C-alpha atoms as a PDB file:
ATOM      1  CA  MET A   1      30.993  11.143  -3.054  1.00  0.00           C
ATOM      2  CA  VAL A   2      31.613  10.291  -6.713  1.00  0.00           C
ATOM      3  CA  PHE A   3      29.295  11.330  -9.553  1.00  0.00           C
ATOM      4  CA  ASN A   4      29.512  10.027 -13.115  1.00  0.00           C
ATOM      5  CA  ASN A   5      28.563  13.380 -14.630  1.00  0.00           C
ATOM      6  CA  THR A   6      27.197  16.833 -13.829  1.00  0.00           C
ATOM      7  CA  ASP A   7      23.580  15.847 -14.425  1.00  0.00           C
ATOM      8  CA  GLU A   8      23.891  13.095 -11.841  1.00  0.00           C
ATOM      9  CA  ALA A   9      25.270  15.590  -9.323  1.00  0.00           C
ATOM     10  CA  LYS A  10      22.394  17.958  -9.999  1.00  0.00           C
ATOM     11  CA  GLU A  11      19.886  15.147  -9.554  1.00  0.00           C
ATOM     12  CA  TYR A  12      21.473  14.365  -6.208  1.00  0.00           C
ATOM     13  CA  VAL A  13      21.174  17.998  -5.085  1.00  0.00           C
ATOM     14  CA  VAL A  14      17.514  18.112  -6.109  1.00  0.00           C
ATOM     15  CA  SER A  15      16.760  14.857  -4.288  1.00  0.00           C
ATOM     16  CA  VAL A  16      18.303  16.165  -1.051  1.00  0.00           C
ATOM     17  CA  THR A  17      16.991  19.727  -1.186  1.00  0.00           C
ATOM     18  CA  ASN A  18      13.458  19.173  -2.458  1.00  0.00           C
ATOM     19  CA  LYS A  19      10.869  20.292   0.026  1.00  0.00           C
ATOM     20  CA  THR A  20       8.794  17.319   1.134  1.00  0.00           C
ATOM     21  CA  LYS A  21       5.388  17.671  -0.496  1.00  0.00           C
ATOM     22  CA  SER A  22       2.022  16.442   0.670  1.00  0.00           C
ATOM     23  CA  ILE A  23      -0.119  14.483  -1.784  1.00  0.00           C
ATOM     24  CA  GLU A  24      -2.109  17.680  -2.427  1.00  0.00           C
ATOM     25  CA  GLU A  25       1.089  19.592  -3.242  1.00  0.00           C
ATOM     26  CA  VAL A  26       2.321  16.790  -5.486  1.00  0.00           C
ATOM     27  CA  ASN A  27      -0.925  16.821  -7.457  1.00  0.00           C
ATOM     28  CA  SER A  28      -0.761  20.611  -7.693  1.00  0.00           C
ATOM     29  CA  ALA A  29       2.828  20.422  -8.978  1.00  0.00           C
ATOM     30  CA  ILE A  30       1.785  17.903 -11.627  1.00  0.00           C
ATOM     31  CA  CYS A  31      -0.949  20.246 -12.858  1.00  0.00           C
ATOM     32  CA  TYR A  32       1.440  23.216 -12.846  1.00  0.00           C
ATOM     33  CA  TYR A  33       4.232  21.482 -14.780  1.00  0.00           C
ATOM     34  CA  GLN A  34       1.740  20.135 -17.298  1.00  0.00           C
ATOM     35  CA  LYS A  35       0.302  23.607 -17.823  1.00  0.00           C
ATOM     36  CA  MET A  36       3.755  25.138 -18.281  1.00  0.00           C
ATOM     37  CA  ALA A  37       4.700  22.418 -20.761  1.00  0.00           C
ATOM     38  CA  ASN A  38       1.515  23.022 -22.751  1.00  0.00           C
ATOM     39  CA  ASN A  39       2.175  26.770 -22.843  1.00  0.00           C
ATOM     40  CA  SER A  40       5.883  26.601 -23.693  1.00  0.00           C
ATOM     41  CA  HIS A  41       6.918  28.524 -26.785  1.00  0.00           C
ATOM     42  CA  ASP A  42       9.651  26.145 -27.928  1.00  0.00           C
ATOM     43  CA  ASP A  43      10.714  22.492 -27.686  1.00  0.00           C
ATOM     44  CA  VAL A  44      13.574  23.222 -25.290  1.00  0.00           C
ATOM     45  CA  SER A  45      11.299  24.822 -22.692  1.00  0.00           C
ATOM     46  CA  ARG A  46       8.635  22.181 -23.213  1.00  0.00           C
ATOM     47  CA  ASN A  47      11.086  19.338 -22.668  1.00  0.00           C
ATOM     48  CA  LEU A  48      12.408  20.949 -19.497  1.00  0.00           C
ATOM     49  CA  TRP A  49       8.923  21.193 -18.010  1.00  0.00           C
ATOM     50  CA  LEU A  50       8.065  17.648 -19.115  1.00  0.00           C
ATOM     51  CA  THR A  51      11.241  16.374 -17.433  1.00  0.00           C
ATOM     52  CA  GLU A  52      10.178  17.996 -14.170  1.00  0.00           C
ATOM     53  CA  LEU A  53       6.675  16.603 -14.620  1.00  0.00           C
ATOM     54  CA  ASP A  54       8.016  13.088 -15.075  1.00  0.00           C
ATOM     55  CA  LYS A  55      10.121  13.371 -11.908  1.00  0.00           C
ATOM     56  CA  VAL A  56       7.118  14.394  -9.822  1.00  0.00           C
ATOM     57  CA  LYS A  57       4.969  11.594 -11.232  1.00  0.00           C
ATOM     58  CA  GLN A  58       7.660   9.007 -10.522  1.00  0.00           C
ATOM     59  CA  TRP A  59       8.028  10.288  -6.968  1.00  0.00           C
ATOM     60  CA  LYS A  60       4.254  10.194  -6.401  1.00  0.00           C
ATOM     61  CA  HIS A  61       4.093   6.518  -7.341  1.00  0.00           C
ATOM     62  CA  SER A  62       7.273   5.422  -5.557  1.00  0.00           C
ATOM     63  CA  ASP A  63       7.169   3.178  -2.485  1.00  0.00           C
ATOM     64  CA  ASP A  64       9.369   5.615  -0.569  1.00  0.00           C
ATOM     65  CA  PHE A  65       6.829   8.413  -0.983  1.00  0.00           C
ATOM     66  CA  LYS A  66       3.903   6.185  -0.094  1.00  0.00           C
ATOM     67  CA  ASN A  67       5.652   4.873   3.042  1.00  0.00           C
ATOM     68  CA  GLY A  68       7.271   8.144   4.140  1.00  0.00           C
ATOM     69  CA  ASN A  69      10.812   6.783   3.740  1.00  0.00           C
ATOM     70  CA  TYR A  70      12.633  10.073   3.150  1.00  0.00           C
ATOM     71  CA  PRO A  71      14.326  12.772   5.237  1.00  0.00           C
ATOM     72  CA  GLN A  72      13.037  16.291   5.616  1.00  0.00           C
ATOM     73  CA  GLY A  73      14.196  18.213   2.545  1.00  0.00           C
ATOM     74  CA  ILE A  74      16.759  20.972   3.012  1.00  0.00           C
ATOM     75  CA  ASP A  75      14.449  23.381   1.145  1.00  0.00           C
ATOM     76  CA  GLU A  76      11.806  22.754   3.783  1.00  0.00           C
ATOM     77  CA  LEU A  77      14.285  23.287   6.613  1.00  0.00           C
ATOM     78  CA  ILE A  78      15.555  26.565   5.158  1.00  0.00           C
ATOM     79  CA  LEU A  79      12.059  27.889   4.466  1.00  0.00           C
ATOM     80  CA  GLU A  80      10.831  26.999   7.951  1.00  0.00           C
ATOM     81  CA  LEU A  81      13.914  28.627   9.479  1.00  0.00           C
ATOM     82  CA  ILE A  82      13.113  31.823   7.570  1.00  0.00           C
ATOM     83  CA  GLU A  83       9.386  31.641   8.360  1.00  0.00           C
ATOM     84  CA  TRP A  84       9.941  31.176  12.107  1.00  0.00           C
ATOM     85  CA  ARG A  85      12.555  33.912  12.267  1.00  0.00           C
ATOM     86  CA  ALA A  86      10.494  36.350  10.158  1.00  0.00           C
ATOM     87  CA  VAL A  87       7.541  36.195  12.555  1.00  0.00           C
ATOM     88  CA  VAL A  88       9.799  36.498  15.612  1.00  0.00           C
ATOM     89  CA  TYR A  89      11.505  39.457  13.913  1.00  0.00           C
ATOM     90  CA  ALA A  90       8.106  41.087  13.338  1.00  0.00           C
ATOM     91  CA  PHE A  91       7.086  40.764  16.988  1.00  0.00           C
ATOM     92  CA  GLN A  92      10.489  42.049  18.124  1.00  0.00           C
ATOM     93  CA  ASN A  93      10.194  45.171  15.981  1.00  0.00           C
ATOM     94  CA  VAL A  94       6.555  46.176  16.489  1.00  0.00           C
ATOM     95  CA  GLU A  95       5.282  47.857  19.655  1.00  0.00           C
ATOM     96  CA  THR A  96       1.757  46.784  20.566  1.00  0.00           C
ATOM     97  CA  LYS A  97      -0.765  47.933  23.153  1.00  0.00           C
ATOM     98  CA  ARG A  98      -0.833  44.537  24.822  1.00  0.00           C
ATOM     99  CA  ASN A  99       2.168  42.421  25.745  1.00  0.00           C
ATOM    100  CA  SER A 100       0.822  39.120  24.513  1.00  0.00           C
ATOM    101  CA  PHE A 101       3.946  37.162  25.483  1.00  0.00           C
ATOM    102  CA  LYS A 102       3.439  38.087  29.142  1.00  0.00           C
ATOM    103  CA  GLU A 103      -0.358  38.157  29.287  1.00  0.00           C
ATOM    104  CA  SER A 104      -0.991  34.885  27.465  1.00  0.00           C
ATOM    105  CA  GLY A 105       0.415  31.497  28.366  1.00  0.00           C
ATOM    106  CA  PHE A 106      -0.240  30.351  24.816  1.00  0.00           C
ATOM    107  CA  TYR A 107       1.850  33.149  23.319  1.00  0.00           C
ATOM    108  CA  ALA A 108       4.616  32.599  25.850  1.00  0.00           C
ATOM    109  CA  GLN A 109       4.744  28.921  24.919  1.00  0.00           C
ATOM    110  CA  TRP A 110       4.635  29.798  21.220  1.00  0.00           C
ATOM    111  CA  TYR A 111       7.662  32.066  21.598  1.00  0.00           C
ATOM    112  CA  VAL A 112       9.685  29.376  23.382  1.00  0.00           C
ATOM    113  CA  GLY A 113       8.635  26.872  20.734  1.00  0.00           C
ATOM    114  CA  ALA A 114       9.666  29.271  17.969  1.00  0.00           C
ATOM    115  CA  ILE A 115      13.139  29.680  19.466  1.00  0.00           C
ATOM    116  CA  TYR A 116      13.569  25.922  19.848  1.00  0.00           C
ATOM    117  CA  GLY A 117      12.327  25.412  16.288  1.00  0.00           C
ATOM    118  CA  ILE A 118      14.733  27.989  14.861  1.00  0.00           C
ATOM    119  CA  PHE A 119      17.842  26.653  16.565  1.00  0.00           C
ATOM    120  CA  SER A 120      16.920  22.997  16.102  1.00  0.00           C
ATOM    121  CA  ILE A 121      16.718  23.570  12.350  1.00  0.00           C
ATOM    122  CA  PHE A 122      20.027  25.444  12.467  1.00  0.00           C
ATOM    123  CA  GLY A 123      21.615  22.383  14.086  1.00  0.00           C
ATOM    124  CA  LYS A 124      20.143  20.022  11.478  1.00  0.00           C
ATOM    125  CA  LEU A 125      21.518  22.084   8.605  1.00  0.00           C
ATOM    126  CA  LEU A 126      25.041  22.016  10.065  1.00  0.00           C
ATOM    127  CA  SER A 127      25.054  18.481  11.446  1.00  0.00           C
ATOM    128  CA  LYS A 128      28.464  16.791  11.320  1.00  0.00           C
ATOM    129  CA  ASP A 129      26.963  13.296  11.372  1.00  0.00           C
ATOM    130  CA  GLY A 130      27.550  11.619   8.013  1.00  0.00           C
ATOM    131  CA  ARG A 131      24.222   9.806   8.297  1.00  0.00           C
ATOM    132  CA  ASP A 132      22.258  13.059   8.205  1.00  0.00           C
ATOM    133  CA  SER A 133      21.016  14.841   5.092  1.00  0.00           C
ATOM    134  CA  SER A 134      22.535  18.143   6.157  1.00  0.00           C
ATOM    135  CA  LEU A 135      23.395  21.256   4.189  1.00  0.00           C
ATOM    136  CA  ARG A 136      26.989  20.858   5.348  1.00  0.00           C
ATOM    137  CA  LYS A 137      27.211  17.345   3.896  1.00  0.00           C
ATOM    138  CA  LEU A 138      25.548  18.377   0.630  1.00  0.00           C
ATOM    139  CA  TRP A 139      27.940  21.293   0.153  1.00  0.00           C
ATOM    140  CA  ASN A 140      30.994  19.142   0.798  1.00  0.00           C
ATOM    141  CA  ASN A 141      29.815  16.533  -1.706  1.00  0.00           C
ATOM    142  CA  VAL A 142      28.881  18.843  -4.540  1.00  0.00           C
ATOM    143  CA  SER A 143      30.768  22.162  -4.281  1.00  0.00           C
ATOM    144  CA  PRO A 144      33.893  20.930  -6.170  1.00  0.00           C
ATOM    145  CA  ILE A 145      31.702  20.098  -9.183  1.00  0.00           C
ATOM    146  CA  MET A 146      29.930  23.438  -8.904  1.00  0.00           C
ATOM    147  CA  LEU A 147      33.292  25.188  -9.017  1.00  0.00           C
ATOM    148  CA  LYS A 148      34.273  23.333 -12.201  1.00  0.00           C
ATOM    149  CA  GLU A 149      30.937  24.298 -13.738  1.00  0.00           C
ATOM    150  CA  GLY A 150      31.426  27.967 -12.855  1.00  0.00           C
ATOM    151  CA  ALA A 151      28.431  27.969 -10.499  1.00  0.00           C
ATOM    152  CA  CYS A 152      30.491  29.595  -7.754  1.00  0.00           C
ATOM    153  CA  THR A 153      33.805  31.413  -7.553  1.00  0.00           C
ATOM    154  CA  LYS A 154      36.938  29.984  -5.983  1.00  0.00           C
ATOM    155  CA  LEU A 155      37.047  32.825  -3.456  1.00  0.00           C
ATOM    156  CA  GLU A 156      33.494  32.239  -2.295  1.00  0.00           C
ATOM    157  CA  MET A 157      33.936  28.471  -2.137  1.00  0.00           C
ATOM    158  CA  ASP A 158      37.114  28.868  -0.067  1.00  0.00           C
ATOM    159  CA  CYS A 159      35.267  31.229   2.275  1.00  0.00           C
ATOM    160  CA  ILE A 160      32.431  28.744   2.786  1.00  0.00           C
ATOM    161  CA  ASN A 161      34.802  25.793   3.233  1.00  0.00           C
ATOM    162  CA  ALA A 162      36.766  27.715   5.858  1.00  0.00           C
ATOM    163  CA  ALA A 163      33.525  28.540   7.674  1.00  0.00           C
ATOM    164  CA  LEU A 164      32.608  24.834   7.770  1.00  0.00           C
ATOM    165  CA  ASP A 165      35.902  23.764   9.373  1.00  0.00           C
ATOM    166  CA  PHE A 166      35.024  21.685  12.438  1.00  0.00           C
ATOM    167  CA  LYS A 167      37.592  23.164  14.820  1.00  0.00           C
ATOM    168  CA  ASN A 168      38.308  26.730  13.743  1.00  0.00           C
ATOM    169  CA  GLY A 169      35.459  27.585  11.403  1.00  0.00           C
ATOM    170  CA  ARG A 170      32.637  30.041  11.699  1.00  0.00           C
ATOM    171  CA  PHE A 171      30.134  27.590  13.173  1.00  0.00           C
ATOM    172  CA  THR A 172      31.725  26.833  16.543  1.00  0.00           C
ATOM    173  CA  ASN A 173      30.716  27.947  20.021  1.00  0.00           C
ATOM    174  CA  GLU A 174      33.538  30.484  19.975  1.00  0.00           C
ATOM    175  CA  ASN A 175      32.631  32.052  16.629  1.00  0.00           C
ATOM    176  CA  SER A 176      28.860  31.665  16.277  1.00  0.00           C
ATOM    177  CA  GLN A 177      26.133  33.039  18.532  1.00  0.00           C
ATOM    178  CA  ALA A 178      23.636  30.713  16.882  1.00  0.00           C
ATOM    179  CA  MET A 179      25.760  27.602  17.429  1.00  0.00           C
ATOM    180  CA  LEU A 180      26.579  28.605  20.995  1.00  0.00           C
ATOM    181  CA  TYR A 181      22.892  29.004  21.827  1.00  0.00           C
ATOM    182  CA  ARG A 182      21.942  25.786  20.064  1.00  0.00           C
ATOM    183  CA  ASN A 183      24.610  23.728  21.830  1.00  0.00           C
ATOM    184  CA  LYS A 184      24.406  25.272  25.288  1.00  0.00           C
ATOM    185  CA  LEU A 185      20.638  25.451  25.688  1.00  0.00           C
ATOM    186  CA  ILE A 186      18.801  23.489  23.008  1.00  0.00           C
ATOM    187  CA  SER A 187      20.983  20.367  22.831  1.00  0.00           C
ATOM    188  CA  HIS A 188      22.551  20.065  26.276  1.00  0.00           C
ATOM    189  CA  ASN A 189      20.784  22.447  28.713  1.00  0.00           C
ATOM    190  CA  GLU A 190      24.152  23.664  29.994  1.00  0.00           C
ATOM    191  CA  ALA A 191      23.488  27.403  30.148  1.00  0.00           C
ATOM    192  CA  MET A 192      21.188  30.264  29.127  1.00  0.00           C
ATOM    193  CA  PRO A 193      23.296  32.430  26.793  1.00  0.00           C
ATOM    194  CA  VAL A 194      21.782  35.690  25.594  1.00  0.00           C
ATOM    195  CA  VAL A 195      20.607  35.527  21.993  1.00  0.00           C
ATOM    196  CA  GLU A 196      22.121  38.351  19.983  1.00  0.00           C
ATOM    197  CA  TRP A 197      19.755  38.191  17.041  1.00  0.00           C
ATOM    198  CA  ASP A 198      21.772  40.488  14.777  1.00  0.00           C
ATOM    199  CA  GLU A 199      24.707  38.091  15.041  1.00  0.00           C
ATOM    200  CA  VAL A 200      22.447  35.069  14.622  1.00  0.00           C
ATOM    201  CA  ASP A 201      21.021  36.558  11.428  1.00  0.00           C
ATOM    202  CA  LYS A 202      24.539  36.837  10.009  1.00  0.00           C
ATOM    203  CA  ASP A 203      24.917  33.079  10.407  1.00  0.00           C
ATOM    204  CA  PHE A 204      21.506  32.495   8.832  1.00  0.00           C
ATOM    205  CA  ALA A 205      22.471  34.737   5.900  1.00  0.00           C
ATOM    206  CA  PHE A 206      25.565  32.600   5.335  1.00  0.00           C
ATOM    207  CA  LEU A 207      23.580  29.350   5.270  1.00  0.00           C
ATOM    208  CA  ILE A 208      20.920  30.813   3.003  1.00  0.00           C
ATOM    209  CA  ARG A 209      23.622  31.814   0.517  1.00  0.00           C
ATOM    210  CA  MET A 210      25.167  28.312   0.597  1.00  0.00           C
ATOM    211  CA  TRP A 211      21.790  26.760  -0.019  1.00  0.00           C
ATOM    212  CA  SER A 212      20.953  29.268  -2.754  1.00  0.00           C
ATOM    213  CA  LEU A 213      24.102  28.419  -4.714  1.00  0.00           C
ATOM    214  CA  LEU A 214      23.169  24.738  -4.682  1.00  0.00           C
ATOM    215  CA  VAL A 215      19.518  25.255  -5.621  1.00  0.00           C
ATOM    216  CA  SER A 216      20.087  27.822  -8.380  1.00  0.00           C
ATOM    217  CA  TRP A 217      22.702  25.533  -9.957  1.00  0.00           C
ATOM    218  CA  SER A 218      20.616  22.373  -9.889  1.00  0.00           C
ATOM    219  CA  SER A 219      17.039  23.505 -10.543  1.00  0.00           C
ATOM    220  CA  PHE A 220      14.640  26.261 -11.568  1.00  0.00           C
ATOM    221  CA  GLY A 221      14.550  27.518  -7.988  1.00  0.00           C
ATOM    222  CA  LEU A 222      11.569  28.051  -5.718  1.00  0.00           C
ATOM    223  CA  GLY A 223       8.631  30.157  -6.858  1.00  0.00           C
ATOM    224  CA  GLU A 224       6.413  31.859  -4.253  1.00  0.00           C
ATOM    225  CA  PRO A 225       7.929  29.857  -1.382  1.00  0.00           C
ATOM    226  CA  PHE A 226       6.643  31.832   1.604  1.00  0.00           C
ATOM    227  CA  ARG A 227       3.288  31.988   3.322  1.00  0.00           C
ATOM    228  CA  THR A 228       1.224  35.102   2.816  1.00  0.00           C
ATOM    229  CA  GLY A 229       0.989  37.666   5.601  1.00  0.00           C
ATOM    230  CA  GLU A 230      -2.626  36.620   6.156  1.00  0.00           C
ATOM    231  CA  GLN A 231      -1.595  32.990   6.629  1.00  0.00           C
ATOM    232  CA  ALA A 232       1.308  33.863   8.915  1.00  0.00           C
ATOM    233  CA  PHE A 233      -0.798  35.922  11.334  1.00  0.00           C
ATOM    234  CA  LEU A 234      -4.160  34.202  11.041  1.00  0.00           C
ATOM    235  CA  GLY A 235      -5.916  33.896  14.403  1.00  0.00           C
ATOM    236  CA  ILE A 236      -4.198  36.713  16.334  1.00  0.00           C
ATOM    237  CA  GLU A 237      -7.067  39.199  15.971  1.00  0.00           C
ATOM    238  CA  SER A 238      -8.136  38.849  19.629  1.00  0.00           C
ATOM    239  CA  MET A 239      -4.792  40.144  20.926  1.00  0.00           C
ATOM    240  CA  PHE A 240      -3.874  42.790  18.333  1.00  0.00           C
ATOM    241  CA  ASP A 241      -5.811  45.508  16.545  1.00  0.00           C
ATOM    242  CA  PHE A 242      -6.003  45.917  12.778  1.00  0.00           C
ATOM    243  CA  SER A 243      -3.209  48.484  12.475  1.00  0.00           C
ATOM    244  CA  GLU A 244      -0.862  46.380  14.622  1.00  0.00           C
ATOM    245  CA  ILE A 245      -1.467  43.299  12.481  1.00  0.00           C
ATOM    246  CA  ASN A 246      -0.743  45.283   9.325  1.00  0.00           C
ATOM    247  CA  THR A 247       2.505  46.565  10.836  1.00  0.00           C
ATOM    248  CA  LEU A 248       3.467  43.018  11.852  1.00  0.00           C
ATOM    249  CA  LYS A 249       2.877  41.865   8.268  1.00  0.00           C
ATOM    250  CA  LYS A 250       5.111  44.643   6.936  1.00  0.00           C
ATOM    251  CA  LYS A 251       7.921  43.804   9.353  1.00  0.00           C
ATOM    252  CA  ARG A 252       7.694  40.122   8.496  1.00  0.00           C
ATOM    253  CA  GLN A 253       7.888  41.021   4.811  1.00  0.00           C
ATOM    254  CA  GLU A 254      10.945  43.146   5.595  1.00  0.00           C
ATOM    255  CA  TYR A 255      12.733  40.084   6.960  1.00  0.00           C
ATOM    256  CA  LEU A 256      11.672  37.928   4.010  1.00  0.00           C
ATOM    257  CA  LYS A 257      13.158  40.504   1.643  1.00  0.00           C
ATOM    258  CA  MET A 258      16.418  40.421   3.610  1.00  0.00           C
ATOM    259  CA  ALA A 259      16.489  36.626   3.277  1.00  0.00           C
ATOM    260  CA  VAL A 260      15.991  36.849  -0.489  1.00  0.00           C
ATOM    261  CA  ASP A 261      18.769  39.451  -0.694  1.00  0.00           C
ATOM    262  CA  TRP A 262      21.087  37.191   1.331  1.00  0.00           C
ATOM    263  CA  SER A 263      20.481  34.394  -1.168  1.00  0.00           C
ATOM    264  CA  LYS A 264      21.917  36.626  -3.902  1.00  0.00           C
ATOM    265  CA  SER A 265      24.844  38.102  -1.939  1.00  0.00           C
ATOM    266  CA  TYR A 266      28.375  36.693  -2.082  1.00  0.00           C
ATOM    267  CA  ALA A 267      29.307  34.979   1.192  1.00  0.00           C
ATOM    268  CA  HIS A 268      32.825  36.442   1.234  1.00  0.00           C
ATOM    269  CA  THR A 269      32.020  40.069   0.349  1.00  0.00           C
ATOM    270  CA  GLY A 270      28.303  40.644   0.893  1.00  0.00           C
ATOM    271  CA  GLU A 271      28.062  42.180  -2.572  1.00  0.00           C
ATOM    272  CA  ILE A 272      25.137  41.307  -4.833  1.00  0.00           C
ATOM    273  CA  ASP A 273      25.670  38.433  -7.263  1.00  0.00           C
ATOM    274  CA  SER A 274      24.244  39.286 -10.677  1.00  0.00           C
ATOM    275  CA  GLY A 275      23.202  35.655 -11.209  1.00  0.00           C
ATOM    276  CA  ARG A 276      19.829  34.357 -10.088  1.00  0.00           C
ATOM    277  CA  GLY A 277      19.341  33.031  -6.597  1.00  0.00           C
ATOM    278  CA  ALA A 278      17.237  30.209  -5.198  1.00  0.00           C
ATOM    279  CA  PHE A 279      14.017  32.216  -5.368  1.00  0.00           C
ATOM    280  CA  SER A 280      12.707  32.394  -8.933  1.00  0.00           C
ATOM    281  CA  LEU A 281      10.003  34.683 -10.248  1.00  0.00           C
ATOM    282  CA  LEU A 282       7.745  33.818 -13.154  1.00  0.00           C
ATOM    283  CA  HIS A 283       6.858  36.689 -15.492  1.00  0.00           C
ATOM    284  CA  VAL A 284       4.157  35.964 -18.032  1.00  0.00           C
ATOM    285  CA  ASN A 285       4.085  38.223 -21.097  1.00  0.00           C
ATOM    286  CA  VAL A 286       1.419  37.919 -23.777  1.00  0.00           C
ATOM    287  CA  ARG A 287       2.861  38.522 -27.229  1.00  0.00           C
ATOM    288  CA  SER A 288       1.062  37.581 -30.418  1.00  0.00           C
ATOM    289  CA  ALA A 289      -1.175  35.180 -28.515  1.00  0.00           C
ATOM    290  CA  HIS A 290       1.826  33.278 -27.076  1.00  0.00           C
ATOM    291  CA  ILE A 291       2.688  32.849 -23.397  1.00  0.00           C
ATOM    292  CA  TYR A 292       6.360  33.208 -22.464  1.00  0.00           C
ATOM    293  CA  ASP A 293       7.847  31.951 -19.210  1.00  0.00           C
ATOM    294  CA  GLU A 294      10.957  33.780 -18.040  1.00  0.00           C
ATOM    295  CA  GLU A 295      13.201  33.810 -15.000  1.00  0.00           C
END
């Protein structure tokens, strides 16, 4: 894919990664960007927020948005992958008085659905089909420009490119527990391989880092992207007591923290990258009656 300049490449990344928003979320984003623009302490910050505001307004009034003519954003896929896995992780790591997944047909079906959801998303992100808006395709199109811009190192890019090799890379049945499970059970119903979740999480960490490099290079990042613990476990009070629910929330939060750490860890070494990741935090400091927005 050929881009005329860096800004065009960044626009492309944003268009492919942006989480699909409902009309309520679009209106909320418009209010947020307008507020941040009004409160900016200099023209540079103000213009950045106004640029984002204009993009959202244009998207709201476009025919594609009105008619639903757009793929699921990669941001949305990544966040749902993390959300599904975080709740499964919580249930796997908390002992409860009742075994809801054996006692309740609803919970048993939920667990199967969660597994199918997790590995279906994994397959979408790594799709080899050129027609798909996959993370693999996005990386291949944009990573050379990112390297020139200094947004990633040559060593890390080479590591990721080697992992994406169709025949001998990381994401093959031979080298990936997640891909093996997705292909053998989810896609083709050939076999019932055992899910080794620790190994699966290593693959997820790799994808989250790839995605994080793209997002942090092309945009402000995602602020407060995850559901609250209350939202994640709403409605389970009849099967679990108060202390169990609190422990489930803590374990879910533990996984979310790991995901955020993965987004800031080099793919080839696992060491922490001092640059910002895909998840941005907004710190508001009041100084002399001015409001400052910082990363």
